[in-house]
Amino acid sequence: MSVKKLAVLISGGGTNLQAIIDATSQKKINAEIKIVISNREDAYGLVRAEKHGIKNMCISSKNLTDEEYSEKLLEIFKKEEIDFVVLAGFLKILSKDLVMQYKNRIINIHPSLIPSFCGKGYYGIKVHEKAIEYGVKVTGATVHFIDENADTGPIIEQRTVDVDDFDTPNTLQLKVLVIEHEILVSSLKKLCNEELEVVGRRVIKRDVKRGGKDEKGIDKRL
C-alpha cells in the first residue's frame, strides 16, 4: 500500500499537528506530511513544521472569500498530489467545491461530542465554556469527515471525558486535548490504511464482517 500524502491545515499552536508529526515519524500512520498551511502568520504550528523539516506556508485569508481562499488551497493540493487533508484547529470555512472534490478525504477534529456544542461559532475555549454552562457530565472530542456545512459530516471516531464539579473551561480543554490527539491519530491510521467506508451517515471499518446478504442486499441475520 502506497504511503499517503497529507496536507495539514492549522490556525494556531498546532498541538494536534504535533501528534500527527510524532505518529508519522514513528511509522504509526502510513502517511507523510507533505505540507502544513496556516491562515495566520503567527501560528506556532508553522514553527513546529519548520523544526521537523516539513514544507510549510501561510496563506492569509484576509480580503479573500471562502471560494477564493479554497481555490488557492486546491492549487496546492493538486501540485503536492495530496491524498488526505487534515483540519487541525483550522478556523476557516472551505468552499463547497473544494469539499466535493475531496469528498470523504478531508477530516476535522472538534473538541466536543458532535452534535453537541458544534457548528458556527463553536471553536476553541468557547466549546468548553458552553459545555460547563450547560451542565453536561461528560464531553469529549470528535473526528469527522468534512461536508458542505460546519461540523455536520459523518463521524469517524469519538471519545469521552468526565466533566468534574470543579472543572473550568481551561481544565476541561486540557483534558479534551489529550483525547483529541489520540483519536486524531487513530482515525488517520484507519483512513490511510483504507479501512474506512462511509455508508449514509455511518462510518464503518471495511473489514467488519456483517454476515451474508440475500439477493436484495438485506443482511440475513436481521
N, C-alpha and C. Protein backbone atom coordinates (compact mmCIF):
# COMPACT_ATOMS: atom_id res chain seq x y z
N MET A 1 0.85 -1.20 0.00
CA MET A 1 0.00 0.00 0.00
C MET A 1 0.89 1.25 0.00
N SER A 2 0.58 2.17 -0.88
CA SER A 2 1.40 3.38 -1.01
C SER A 2 1.26 4.28 0.21
N VAL A 3 2.32 5.02 0.50
CA VAL A 3 2.30 5.97 1.60
C VAL A 3 1.44 7.16 1.20
N LYS A 4 0.47 7.52 2.04
CA LYS A 4 -0.46 8.60 1.73
C LYS A 4 0.18 9.96 2.00
N LYS A 5 -0.18 10.92 1.17
CA LYS A 5 0.34 12.27 1.30
C LYS A 5 -0.70 13.16 1.98
N LEU A 6 -0.28 13.81 3.07
CA LEU A 6 -1.18 14.62 3.87
C LEU A 6 -0.88 16.11 3.74
N ALA A 7 -1.96 16.90 3.74
CA ALA A 7 -1.86 18.34 3.94
C ALA A 7 -2.55 18.63 5.27
N VAL A 8 -1.87 19.33 6.17
CA VAL A 8 -2.45 19.66 7.47
C VAL A 8 -2.67 21.17 7.53
N LEU A 9 -3.91 21.57 7.82
CA LEU A 9 -4.27 22.98 7.88
C LEU A 9 -4.45 23.40 9.33
N ILE A 10 -3.85 24.52 9.70
CA ILE A 10 -3.86 24.97 11.09
C ILE A 10 -4.14 26.47 11.16
N SER A 11 -4.47 26.91 12.39
CA SER A 11 -4.61 28.36 12.63
C SER A 11 -3.92 28.80 13.90
N GLY A 12 -3.41 27.84 14.69
CA GLY A 12 -2.86 28.21 15.99
C GLY A 12 -1.63 27.43 16.39
N GLY A 13 -1.61 26.97 17.65
CA GLY A 13 -0.44 26.35 18.25
C GLY A 13 0.01 25.05 17.62
N GLY A 14 -0.92 24.29 17.09
CA GLY A 14 -0.56 23.09 16.37
C GLY A 14 -0.24 21.87 17.22
N THR A 15 -0.89 21.72 18.38
CA THR A 15 -0.62 20.52 19.18
C THR A 15 -1.15 19.27 18.50
N ASN A 16 -2.26 19.37 17.82
CA ASN A 16 -2.75 18.22 17.05
C ASN A 16 -1.82 17.92 15.87
N LEU A 17 -1.29 18.96 15.26
CA LEU A 17 -0.28 18.78 14.22
C LEU A 17 0.90 18.01 14.78
N GLN A 18 1.34 18.37 15.97
CA GLN A 18 2.50 17.70 16.59
C GLN A 18 2.21 16.22 16.81
N ALA A 19 0.98 15.90 17.20
CA ALA A 19 0.59 14.50 17.39
C ALA A 19 0.72 13.73 16.07
N ILE A 20 0.35 14.37 14.96
CA ILE A 20 0.45 13.73 13.65
C ILE A 20 1.92 13.60 13.24
N ILE A 21 2.71 14.65 13.49
CA ILE A 21 4.14 14.60 13.19
C ILE A 21 4.79 13.43 13.92
N ASP A 22 4.49 13.31 15.21
CA ASP A 22 5.08 12.23 16.02
C ASP A 22 4.66 10.86 15.50
N ALA A 23 3.38 10.72 15.17
CA ALA A 23 2.86 9.42 14.72
C ALA A 23 3.43 9.02 13.36
N THR A 24 3.58 9.98 12.46
CA THR A 24 4.14 9.64 11.14
C THR A 24 5.63 9.33 11.24
N SER A 25 6.34 10.07 12.09
CA SER A 25 7.77 9.82 12.23
C SER A 25 8.04 8.47 12.89
N GLN A 26 7.11 8.02 13.73
CA GLN A 26 7.23 6.72 14.39
C GLN A 26 6.59 5.59 13.57
N LYS A 27 6.15 5.92 12.35
CA LYS A 27 5.55 4.94 11.43
C LYS A 27 4.26 4.32 11.98
N LYS A 28 3.56 5.07 12.83
CA LYS A 28 2.28 4.60 13.33
C LYS A 28 1.17 4.84 12.33
N ILE A 29 1.42 5.74 11.38
CA ILE A 29 0.47 6.07 10.33
C ILE A 29 1.17 5.88 8.99
N ASN A 30 0.47 5.26 8.05
CA ASN A 30 1.02 5.04 6.71
C ASN A 30 0.90 6.32 5.88
N ALA A 31 1.64 7.34 6.30
CA ALA A 31 1.50 8.65 5.65
C ALA A 31 2.73 9.51 5.89
N GLU A 32 2.85 10.54 5.07
CA GLU A 32 3.83 11.59 5.28
C GLU A 32 3.13 12.93 5.14
N ILE A 33 3.57 13.89 5.94
CA ILE A 33 3.00 15.23 5.85
C ILE A 33 3.75 15.97 4.75
N LYS A 34 3.07 16.25 3.66
CA LYS A 34 3.71 16.93 2.53
C LYS A 34 3.78 18.43 2.75
N ILE A 35 2.75 18.97 3.41
CA ILE A 35 2.72 20.42 3.60
C ILE A 35 1.82 20.80 4.77
N VAL A 36 2.21 21.84 5.48
CA VAL A 36 1.40 22.44 6.54
C VAL A 36 1.06 23.86 6.10
N ILE A 37 -0.23 24.19 6.17
CA ILE A 37 -0.69 25.51 5.73
C ILE A 37 -1.46 26.18 6.86
N SER A 38 -1.14 27.44 7.12
CA SER A 38 -1.87 28.21 8.11
C SER A 38 -2.48 29.44 7.46
N ASN A 39 -3.61 29.88 8.00
CA ASN A 39 -4.18 31.14 7.52
C ASN A 39 -3.74 32.31 8.39
N ARG A 40 -2.86 32.02 9.37
CA ARG A 40 -2.35 33.07 10.25
C ARG A 40 -0.83 32.99 10.31
N GLU A 41 -0.18 34.12 10.13
CA GLU A 41 1.29 34.16 10.11
C GLU A 41 1.90 33.78 11.45
N ASP A 42 1.21 34.11 12.54
CA ASP A 42 1.78 33.89 13.87
C ASP A 42 1.44 32.52 14.45
N ALA A 43 0.89 31.62 13.65
CA ALA A 43 0.55 30.29 14.15
C ALA A 43 1.82 29.51 14.50
N TYR A 44 1.91 29.08 15.75
CA TYR A 44 3.11 28.36 16.18
C TYR A 44 3.25 27.01 15.48
N GLY A 45 2.15 26.51 14.96
CA GLY A 45 2.23 25.25 14.21
C GLY A 45 3.20 25.32 13.04
N LEU A 46 3.38 26.51 12.46
CA LEU A 46 4.34 26.67 11.37
C LEU A 46 5.77 26.44 11.88
N VAL A 47 6.02 26.88 13.11
CA VAL A 47 7.34 26.66 13.72
C VAL A 47 7.56 25.17 13.95
N ARG A 48 6.52 24.48 14.41
CA ARG A 48 6.62 23.02 14.62
C ARG A 48 6.99 22.33 13.31
N ALA A 49 6.31 22.71 12.24
CA ALA A 49 6.59 22.10 10.93
C ALA A 49 8.02 22.38 10.50
N GLU A 50 8.46 23.62 10.68
CA GLU A 50 9.82 24.01 10.28
C GLU A 50 10.87 23.21 11.04
N LYS A 51 10.64 23.00 12.32
CA LYS A 51 11.58 22.25 13.15
C LYS A 51 11.76 20.82 12.65
N HIS A 52 10.73 20.28 12.03
CA HIS A 52 10.77 18.90 11.55
C HIS A 52 11.04 18.81 10.05
N GLY A 53 11.42 19.94 9.46
CA GLY A 53 11.76 19.94 8.04
C GLY A 53 10.58 19.71 7.12
N ILE A 54 9.39 20.08 7.56
CA ILE A 54 8.18 19.89 6.76
C ILE A 54 7.85 21.19 6.02
N LYS A 55 7.58 21.09 4.75
CA LYS A 55 7.22 22.25 3.96
C LYS A 55 6.02 22.94 4.58
N ASN A 56 6.09 24.25 4.72
CA ASN A 56 5.00 24.98 5.37
C ASN A 56 4.87 26.37 4.78
N MET A 57 3.69 26.92 4.92
CA MET A 57 3.44 28.27 4.41
C MET A 57 2.21 28.88 5.06
N CYS A 58 2.17 30.19 5.04
CA CYS A 58 0.97 30.92 5.46
C CYS A 58 0.29 31.47 4.22
N ILE A 59 -0.98 31.18 4.11
CA ILE A 59 -1.81 31.81 3.09
C ILE A 59 -2.86 32.62 3.84
N SER A 60 -2.67 33.91 3.90
CA SER A 60 -3.56 34.76 4.66
C SER A 60 -4.97 34.74 4.05
N SER A 61 -5.95 34.68 4.94
CA SER A 61 -7.34 34.67 4.48
C SER A 61 -7.95 36.07 4.45
N LYS A 62 -7.13 37.08 4.76
CA LYS A 62 -7.63 38.46 4.75
C LYS A 62 -8.01 38.88 3.33
N ASN A 63 -9.16 39.53 3.23
CA ASN A 63 -9.66 40.08 1.96
C ASN A 63 -9.95 39.01 0.90
N LEU A 64 -10.10 37.76 1.32
CA LEU A 64 -10.45 36.69 0.39
C LEU A 64 -11.76 36.04 0.81
N THR A 65 -12.60 35.74 -0.16
CA THR A 65 -13.82 34.98 0.14
C THR A 65 -13.43 33.53 0.41
N ASP A 66 -14.37 32.77 0.95
CA ASP A 66 -14.11 31.34 1.17
C ASP A 66 -13.76 30.65 -0.14
N GLU A 67 -14.44 31.04 -1.20
CA GLU A 67 -14.21 30.43 -2.51
C GLU A 67 -12.82 30.76 -3.04
N GLU A 68 -12.43 32.01 -2.92
CA GLU A 68 -11.10 32.43 -3.39
C GLU A 68 -9.99 31.75 -2.60
N TYR A 69 -10.20 31.66 -1.29
CA TYR A 69 -9.19 31.02 -0.45
C TYR A 69 -9.08 29.52 -0.79
N SER A 70 -10.21 28.90 -0.98
CA SER A 70 -10.22 27.47 -1.28
C SER A 70 -9.59 27.16 -2.64
N GLU A 71 -9.73 28.07 -3.57
CA GLU A 71 -9.09 27.90 -4.89
C GLU A 71 -7.58 27.85 -4.74
N LYS A 72 -7.04 28.69 -3.86
CA LYS A 72 -5.60 28.68 -3.62
C LYS A 72 -5.17 27.36 -3.00
N LEU A 73 -5.98 26.86 -2.07
CA LEU A 73 -5.67 25.58 -1.45
C LEU A 73 -5.71 24.45 -2.46
N LEU A 74 -6.72 24.46 -3.31
CA LEU A 74 -6.86 23.41 -4.32
C LEU A 74 -5.63 23.33 -5.23
N GLU A 75 -5.13 24.48 -5.62
CA GLU A 75 -3.94 24.50 -6.47
C GLU A 75 -2.77 23.80 -5.79
N ILE A 76 -2.61 24.06 -4.50
CA ILE A 76 -1.51 23.46 -3.76
C ILE A 76 -1.74 21.96 -3.58
N PHE A 77 -2.97 21.57 -3.23
CA PHE A 77 -3.27 20.15 -3.04
C PHE A 77 -2.97 19.35 -4.30
N LYS A 78 -3.34 19.89 -5.44
CA LYS A 78 -3.11 19.18 -6.69
C LYS A 78 -1.62 19.13 -7.03
N LYS A 79 -0.92 20.23 -6.78
CA LYS A 79 0.52 20.28 -7.06
C LYS A 79 1.26 19.27 -6.19
N GLU A 80 0.87 19.16 -4.93
CA GLU A 80 1.54 18.26 -3.99
C GLU A 80 0.98 16.84 -4.04
N GLU A 81 -0.03 16.62 -4.90
CA GLU A 81 -0.66 15.30 -5.05
C GLU A 81 -1.17 14.77 -3.71
N ILE A 82 -1.91 15.62 -3.02
CA ILE A 82 -2.40 15.31 -1.68
C ILE A 82 -3.51 14.25 -1.73
N ASP A 83 -3.38 13.26 -0.85
CA ASP A 83 -4.42 12.22 -0.73
C ASP A 83 -5.49 12.61 0.27
N PHE A 84 -5.04 13.09 1.45
CA PHE A 84 -5.97 13.44 2.51
C PHE A 84 -5.60 14.79 3.13
N VAL A 85 -6.63 15.52 3.56
CA VAL A 85 -6.45 16.83 4.20
C VAL A 85 -6.92 16.73 5.64
N VAL A 86 -6.13 17.25 6.56
CA VAL A 86 -6.48 17.24 7.98
C VAL A 86 -6.65 18.67 8.46
N LEU A 87 -7.82 18.98 9.00
CA LEU A 87 -8.05 20.29 9.61
C LEU A 87 -7.75 20.14 11.10
N ALA A 88 -6.62 20.67 11.53
CA ALA A 88 -6.16 20.51 12.91
C ALA A 88 -6.20 21.86 13.60
N GLY A 89 -7.41 22.29 13.97
CA GLY A 89 -7.57 23.62 14.55
C GLY A 89 -7.54 24.70 13.49
N PHE A 90 -8.13 24.41 12.35
CA PHE A 90 -8.15 25.37 11.24
C PHE A 90 -9.45 26.15 11.28
N LEU A 91 -9.37 27.47 11.48
CA LEU A 91 -10.56 28.29 11.70
C LEU A 91 -10.95 29.04 10.44
N LYS A 92 -11.18 28.29 9.40
CA LYS A 92 -11.58 28.88 8.13
C LYS A 92 -12.52 27.91 7.42
N ILE A 93 -13.60 28.44 6.86
CA ILE A 93 -14.56 27.61 6.14
C ILE A 93 -14.07 27.31 4.73
N LEU A 94 -14.17 26.05 4.34
CA LEU A 94 -13.78 25.65 3.00
C LEU A 94 -14.97 25.73 2.06
N SER A 95 -14.71 25.99 0.79
CA SER A 95 -15.80 26.12 -0.18
C SER A 95 -16.43 24.76 -0.48
N LYS A 96 -17.65 24.79 -0.95
CA LYS A 96 -18.35 23.56 -1.31
C LYS A 96 -17.62 22.83 -2.43
N ASP A 97 -17.05 23.59 -3.36
CA ASP A 97 -16.34 22.97 -4.48
C ASP A 97 -15.13 22.18 -4.00
N LEU A 98 -14.35 22.75 -3.09
CA LEU A 98 -13.20 22.02 -2.56
C LEU A 98 -13.64 20.77 -1.81
N VAL A 99 -14.68 20.92 -0.99
CA VAL A 99 -15.19 19.78 -0.21
C VAL A 99 -15.65 18.66 -1.12
N MET A 100 -16.33 19.00 -2.21
CA MET A 100 -16.83 17.97 -3.12
C MET A 100 -15.69 17.30 -3.88
N GLN A 101 -14.67 18.07 -4.25
CA GLN A 101 -13.54 17.48 -4.96
C GLN A 101 -12.74 16.53 -4.07
N TYR A 102 -12.79 16.78 -2.77
CA TYR A 102 -12.09 15.92 -1.81
C TYR A 102 -13.09 15.23 -0.87
N LYS A 103 -14.21 14.82 -1.40
CA LYS A 103 -15.25 14.19 -0.60
C LYS A 103 -14.72 12.97 0.13
N ASN A 104 -14.98 12.93 1.43
CA ASN A 104 -14.52 11.85 2.31
C ASN A 104 -13.00 11.71 2.32
N ARG A 105 -12.32 12.83 2.02
CA ARG A 105 -10.86 12.83 2.11
C ARG A 105 -10.35 14.00 2.96
N ILE A 106 -11.29 14.73 3.59
CA ILE A 106 -10.94 15.82 4.50
C ILE A 106 -11.53 15.50 5.87
N ILE A 107 -10.67 15.48 6.90
CA ILE A 107 -11.18 15.21 8.24
C ILE A 107 -10.89 16.39 9.16
N ASN A 108 -11.70 16.48 10.20
CA ASN A 108 -11.59 17.58 11.16
C ASN A 108 -11.65 17.02 12.57
N ILE A 109 -10.94 17.66 13.49
CA ILE A 109 -11.03 17.32 14.91
C ILE A 109 -11.80 18.43 15.62
N HIS A 110 -12.84 18.04 16.38
CA HIS A 110 -13.66 19.04 17.08
C HIS A 110 -13.71 18.69 18.56
N PRO A 111 -13.57 19.69 19.45
CA PRO A 111 -13.46 19.42 20.89
C PRO A 111 -14.79 19.27 21.63
N SER A 112 -15.72 18.51 21.06
CA SER A 112 -16.95 18.15 21.76
C SER A 112 -17.51 16.89 21.13
N LEU A 113 -18.56 16.37 21.74
CA LEU A 113 -19.23 15.20 21.19
C LEU A 113 -20.32 15.67 20.23
N ILE A 114 -19.96 15.78 18.97
CA ILE A 114 -20.93 16.21 17.96
C ILE A 114 -22.12 15.24 17.99
N PRO A 115 -23.38 15.73 17.97
CA PRO A 115 -23.81 17.07 17.56
C PRO A 115 -23.94 18.10 18.68
N SER A 116 -23.39 17.85 19.84
CA SER A 116 -23.43 18.85 20.91
C SER A 116 -22.31 19.88 20.74
N PHE A 117 -22.63 21.14 21.03
CA PHE A 117 -21.64 22.22 21.09
C PHE A 117 -20.76 22.27 19.84
N CYS A 118 -21.43 22.37 18.71
CA CYS A 118 -20.69 22.43 17.45
C CYS A 118 -21.41 23.37 16.49
N GLY A 119 -20.81 23.56 15.33
CA GLY A 119 -21.39 24.44 14.33
C GLY A 119 -20.80 25.84 14.40
N LYS A 120 -21.44 26.77 13.73
CA LYS A 120 -20.93 28.13 13.63
C LYS A 120 -20.74 28.76 15.00
N GLY A 121 -19.55 29.30 15.23
CA GLY A 121 -19.25 29.99 16.48
C GLY A 121 -18.71 29.10 17.58
N TYR A 122 -18.75 27.79 17.37
CA TYR A 122 -18.26 26.86 18.40
C TYR A 122 -16.85 26.40 18.04
N TYR A 123 -15.86 27.04 18.64
CA TYR A 123 -14.48 26.65 18.42
C TYR A 123 -13.66 27.06 19.64
N GLY A 124 -12.50 26.42 19.81
CA GLY A 124 -11.60 26.77 20.90
C GLY A 124 -12.24 26.69 22.27
N ILE A 125 -11.89 27.63 23.12
CA ILE A 125 -12.34 27.62 24.51
C ILE A 125 -13.85 27.82 24.62
N LYS A 126 -14.47 28.41 23.60
CA LYS A 126 -15.92 28.65 23.63
C LYS A 126 -16.69 27.35 23.79
N VAL A 127 -16.19 26.28 23.17
CA VAL A 127 -16.86 24.99 23.24
C VAL A 127 -16.93 24.51 24.69
N HIS A 128 -15.84 24.64 25.41
CA HIS A 128 -15.77 24.15 26.79
C HIS A 128 -16.54 25.07 27.74
N GLU A 129 -16.57 26.35 27.44
CA GLU A 129 -17.39 27.27 28.22
C GLU A 129 -18.86 26.88 28.14
N LYS A 130 -19.31 26.57 26.94
CA LYS A 130 -20.71 26.20 26.75
C LYS A 130 -21.04 24.85 27.38
N ALA A 131 -20.09 23.92 27.34
CA ALA A 131 -20.33 22.61 27.95
C ALA A 131 -20.52 22.75 29.46
N ILE A 132 -19.68 23.55 30.10
CA ILE A 132 -19.80 23.77 31.55
C ILE A 132 -21.06 24.56 31.87
N GLU A 133 -21.34 25.56 31.07
CA GLU A 133 -22.54 26.38 31.27
C GLU A 133 -23.81 25.52 31.20
N TYR A 134 -23.82 24.56 30.28
CA TYR A 134 -25.00 23.70 30.12
C TYR A 134 -25.12 22.67 31.24
N GLY A 135 -23.98 22.34 31.84
CA GLY A 135 -24.01 21.39 32.95
C GLY A 135 -23.88 19.94 32.55
N VAL A 136 -23.30 19.65 31.40
CA VAL A 136 -23.15 18.25 30.99
C VAL A 136 -22.17 17.54 31.92
N LYS A 137 -22.35 16.24 32.07
CA LYS A 137 -21.49 15.44 32.94
C LYS A 137 -20.36 14.77 32.17
N VAL A 138 -20.53 14.65 30.87
CA VAL A 138 -19.45 14.14 30.02
C VAL A 138 -19.36 15.01 28.77
N THR A 139 -18.16 15.15 28.28
CA THR A 139 -17.95 15.79 27.00
C THR A 139 -16.87 14.98 26.29
N GLY A 140 -16.25 15.52 25.27
CA GLY A 140 -15.23 14.72 24.60
C GLY A 140 -14.74 15.38 23.33
N ALA A 141 -14.34 14.55 22.38
CA ALA A 141 -13.82 15.03 21.11
C ALA A 141 -14.34 14.14 19.99
N THR A 142 -14.40 14.71 18.79
CA THR A 142 -14.94 14.02 17.63
C THR A 142 -14.03 14.24 16.43
N VAL A 143 -13.75 13.16 15.70
CA VAL A 143 -13.10 13.27 14.39
C VAL A 143 -14.18 12.94 13.36
N HIS A 144 -14.32 13.81 12.37
CA HIS A 144 -15.38 13.58 11.38
C HIS A 144 -14.92 14.03 10.00
N PHE A 145 -15.58 13.49 9.00
CA PHE A 145 -15.35 13.96 7.64
C PHE A 145 -16.00 15.32 7.48
N ILE A 146 -15.43 16.13 6.61
CA ILE A 146 -15.99 17.45 6.31
C ILE A 146 -17.01 17.33 5.19
N ASP A 147 -18.13 18.02 5.36
CA ASP A 147 -19.08 18.19 4.27
C ASP A 147 -19.29 19.68 4.05
N GLU A 148 -20.36 20.06 3.36
CA GLU A 148 -20.53 21.46 2.98
C GLU A 148 -20.98 22.36 4.13
N ASN A 149 -21.33 21.78 5.28
CA ASN A 149 -21.75 22.58 6.43
C ASN A 149 -20.76 22.43 7.58
N ALA A 150 -20.91 23.25 8.62
CA ALA A 150 -19.97 23.25 9.74
C ALA A 150 -20.27 22.12 10.71
N ASP A 151 -19.32 21.20 10.86
CA ASP A 151 -19.38 20.12 11.85
C ASP A 151 -20.56 19.16 11.64
N THR A 152 -20.93 18.92 10.41
CA THR A 152 -22.09 18.05 10.14
C THR A 152 -21.72 16.78 9.36
N GLY A 153 -20.45 16.59 9.03
CA GLY A 153 -20.05 15.44 8.25
C GLY A 153 -20.07 14.15 9.06
N PRO A 154 -20.02 12.99 8.38
CA PRO A 154 -20.05 11.68 9.05
C PRO A 154 -18.95 11.54 10.10
N ILE A 155 -19.32 10.97 11.23
CA ILE A 155 -18.42 10.84 12.37
C ILE A 155 -17.56 9.59 12.24
N ILE A 156 -16.24 9.78 12.39
CA ILE A 156 -15.29 8.67 12.31
C ILE A 156 -15.03 8.07 13.68
N GLU A 157 -14.77 8.92 14.66
CA GLU A 157 -14.43 8.42 16.00
C GLU A 157 -14.76 9.48 17.04
N GLN A 158 -15.19 9.01 18.22
CA GLN A 158 -15.45 9.89 19.35
C GLN A 158 -14.92 9.24 20.62
N ARG A 159 -14.56 10.10 21.58
CA ARG A 159 -14.16 9.60 22.90
C ARG A 159 -14.60 10.61 23.94
N THR A 160 -14.84 10.14 25.15
CA THR A 160 -15.41 10.99 26.19
C THR A 160 -14.42 11.25 27.33
N VAL A 161 -14.69 12.35 28.05
CA VAL A 161 -14.05 12.62 29.34
C VAL A 161 -15.15 13.09 30.29
N ASP A 162 -14.95 12.86 31.58
CA ASP A 162 -15.90 13.35 32.57
C ASP A 162 -15.71 14.84 32.81
N VAL A 163 -16.83 15.51 33.06
CA VAL A 163 -16.79 16.91 33.46
C VAL A 163 -16.94 16.93 34.98
N ASP A 164 -15.87 17.25 35.68
CA ASP A 164 -15.89 17.24 37.14
C ASP A 164 -16.52 18.52 37.69
N ASP A 165 -16.95 18.45 38.95
CA ASP A 165 -17.66 19.58 39.57
C ASP A 165 -16.86 20.87 39.57
N PHE A 166 -15.54 20.76 39.66
CA PHE A 166 -14.72 21.96 39.78
C PHE A 166 -13.93 22.25 38.50
N ASP A 167 -14.31 21.62 37.41
CA ASP A 167 -13.67 21.93 36.13
C ASP A 167 -13.96 23.36 35.71
N THR A 168 -12.97 23.98 35.11
CA THR A 168 -13.13 25.27 34.46
C THR A 168 -13.00 25.04 32.95
N PRO A 169 -13.35 26.00 32.13
CA PRO A 169 -13.14 25.82 30.68
C PRO A 169 -11.70 25.44 30.34
N ASN A 170 -10.75 26.00 31.06
CA ASN A 170 -9.34 25.73 30.78
C ASN A 170 -8.93 24.31 31.18
N THR A 171 -9.36 23.86 32.37
CA THR A 171 -9.01 22.50 32.77
C THR A 171 -9.71 21.47 31.89
N LEU A 172 -10.93 21.77 31.49
CA LEU A 172 -11.67 20.86 30.62
C LEU A 172 -11.01 20.80 29.24
N GLN A 173 -10.56 21.94 28.75
CA GLN A 173 -9.88 21.99 27.46
C GLN A 173 -8.65 21.09 27.46
N LEU A 174 -7.88 21.12 28.55
CA LEU A 174 -6.67 20.30 28.64
C LEU A 174 -7.01 18.81 28.64
N LYS A 175 -8.08 18.44 29.34
CA LYS A 175 -8.47 17.03 29.38
C LYS A 175 -8.91 16.54 28.00
N VAL A 176 -9.67 17.37 27.33
CA VAL A 176 -10.17 17.00 26.00
C VAL A 176 -9.02 16.95 25.00
N LEU A 177 -8.06 17.84 25.15
CA LEU A 177 -6.93 17.89 24.22
C LEU A 177 -6.17 16.56 24.18
N VAL A 178 -6.06 15.91 25.31
CA VAL A 178 -5.37 14.62 25.37
C VAL A 178 -6.05 13.60 24.46
N ILE A 179 -7.37 13.53 24.54
CA ILE A 179 -8.07 12.53 23.71
C ILE A 179 -8.18 13.00 22.25
N GLU A 180 -8.13 14.31 22.02
CA GLU A 180 -8.09 14.80 20.64
C GLU A 180 -6.90 14.19 19.92
N HIS A 181 -5.74 14.26 20.54
CA HIS A 181 -4.52 13.73 19.93
C HIS A 181 -4.67 12.24 19.64
N GLU A 182 -5.24 11.52 20.59
CA GLU A 182 -5.35 10.07 20.46
C GLU A 182 -6.28 9.66 19.33
N ILE A 183 -7.47 10.27 19.28
CA ILE A 183 -8.43 9.82 18.26
C ILE A 183 -8.10 10.38 16.88
N LEU A 184 -7.39 11.50 16.83
CA LEU A 184 -6.97 12.01 15.53
C LEU A 184 -5.96 11.05 14.89
N VAL A 185 -5.00 10.59 15.67
CA VAL A 185 -4.01 9.63 15.17
C VAL A 185 -4.69 8.31 14.81
N SER A 186 -5.58 7.85 15.69
CA SER A 186 -6.29 6.59 15.44
C SER A 186 -7.12 6.66 14.16
N SER A 187 -7.82 7.75 13.96
CA SER A 187 -8.66 7.91 12.76
C SER A 187 -7.80 8.00 11.50
N LEU A 188 -6.70 8.74 11.59
CA LEU A 188 -5.81 8.87 10.44
C LEU A 188 -5.20 7.53 10.06
N LYS A 189 -4.87 6.74 11.06
CA LYS A 189 -4.30 5.41 10.80
C LYS A 189 -5.28 4.57 9.98
N LYS A 190 -6.55 4.56 10.38
CA LYS A 190 -7.57 3.81 9.66
C LYS A 190 -7.78 4.36 8.25
N LEU A 191 -7.80 5.68 8.16
CA LEU A 191 -8.03 6.32 6.87
C LEU A 191 -6.91 5.99 5.89
N CYS A 192 -5.68 6.10 6.35
CA CYS A 192 -4.53 5.87 5.47
C CYS A 192 -4.31 4.40 5.15
N ASN A 193 -4.89 3.53 5.96
CA ASN A 193 -4.86 2.09 5.67
C ASN A 193 -6.05 1.66 4.83
N GLU A 194 -6.85 2.64 4.41
CA GLU A 194 -8.03 2.40 3.57
C GLU A 194 -9.01 1.44 4.23
N GLU A 195 -9.21 1.62 5.54
CA GLU A 195 -10.09 0.74 6.31
C GLU A 195 -11.50 1.30 6.47
N LEU A 196 -11.71 2.56 6.09
CA LEU A 196 -12.99 3.20 6.37
C LEU A 196 -13.91 3.23 5.15
N GLU A 197 -15.19 3.07 5.44
CA GLU A 197 -16.23 3.14 4.40
C GLU A 197 -17.38 3.98 4.93
N VAL A 198 -17.88 4.89 4.12
CA VAL A 198 -19.00 5.74 4.52
C VAL A 198 -20.28 5.17 3.93
N VAL A 199 -21.20 4.80 4.80
CA VAL A 199 -22.49 4.25 4.38
C VAL A 199 -23.57 5.15 4.95
N GLY A 200 -24.13 6.00 4.10
CA GLY A 200 -25.07 7.01 4.59
C GLY A 200 -24.33 7.97 5.50
N ARG A 201 -24.77 8.06 6.75
CA ARG A 201 -24.07 8.91 7.73
C ARG A 201 -23.12 8.09 8.61
N ARG A 202 -23.07 6.79 8.40
CA ARG A 202 -22.24 5.94 9.25
C ARG A 202 -20.89 5.68 8.62
N VAL A 203 -19.85 5.73 9.45
CA VAL A 203 -18.50 5.38 9.00
C VAL A 203 -18.15 4.05 9.65
N ILE A 204 -17.91 3.04 8.82
CA ILE A 204 -17.64 1.70 9.33
C ILE A 204 -16.29 1.21 8.81
N LYS A 205 -15.74 0.20 9.48
CA LYS A 205 -14.49 -0.39 9.03
C LYS A 205 -14.78 -1.41 7.93
N ARG A 206 -14.01 -1.38 6.89
CA ARG A 206 -14.21 -2.28 5.75
C ARG A 206 -14.08 -3.75 6.13
N ASP A 207 -13.24 -4.05 7.14
CA ASP A 207 -13.00 -5.44 7.48
C ASP A 207 -14.01 -6.00 8.48
N VAL A 208 -15.03 -5.19 8.86
CA VAL A 208 -16.05 -5.68 9.76
C VAL A 208 -16.90 -6.72 9.03
N LYS A 209 -17.04 -7.90 9.62
CA LYS A 209 -17.82 -8.97 8.99
C LYS A 209 -19.28 -8.81 9.38
N ARG A 210 -20.10 -8.49 8.41
CA ARG A 210 -21.51 -8.19 8.69
C ARG A 210 -22.44 -9.33 8.30
N GLY A 211 -21.84 -10.48 7.95
CA GLY A 211 -22.70 -11.61 7.60
C GLY A 211 -23.11 -11.58 6.15
N GLY A 212 -23.69 -12.67 5.68
CA GLY A 212 -24.11 -12.76 4.29
C GLY A 212 -25.35 -11.93 4.00
N LYS A 213 -25.53 -11.58 2.73
CA LYS A 213 -26.70 -10.82 2.32
C LYS A 213 -27.43 -11.56 1.22
N ASP A 214 -28.74 -11.40 1.18
CA ASP A 214 -29.51 -12.06 0.14
C ASP A 214 -29.45 -11.25 -1.15
N GLU A 215 -30.20 -11.68 -2.16
CA GLU A 215 -30.12 -11.03 -3.46
C GLU A 215 -30.62 -9.60 -3.45
N LYS A 216 -31.36 -9.20 -2.41
CA LYS A 216 -31.84 -7.83 -2.31
C LYS A 216 -30.90 -6.96 -1.46
N GLY A 217 -29.80 -7.54 -1.03
CA GLY A 217 -28.84 -6.78 -0.26
C GLY A 217 -29.20 -6.67 1.21
N ILE A 218 -30.14 -7.48 1.70
CA ILE A 218 -30.57 -7.42 3.08
C ILE A 218 -29.77 -8.42 3.90
N ASP A 219 -29.24 -7.97 5.02
CA ASP A 219 -28.44 -8.83 5.88
C ASP A 219 -29.31 -9.97 6.38
N LYS A 220 -28.88 -11.20 6.17
CA LYS A 220 -29.66 -12.39 6.54
C LYS A 220 -29.80 -12.55 8.04
N ARG A 221 -28.95 -11.86 8.80
CA ARG A 221 -29.05 -12.01 10.26
C ARG A 221 -30.16 -11.17 10.85
N LEU A 222 -30.71 -10.24 10.07
CA LEU A 222 -31.74 -9.33 10.59
C LEU A 222 -33.12 -9.99 10.58
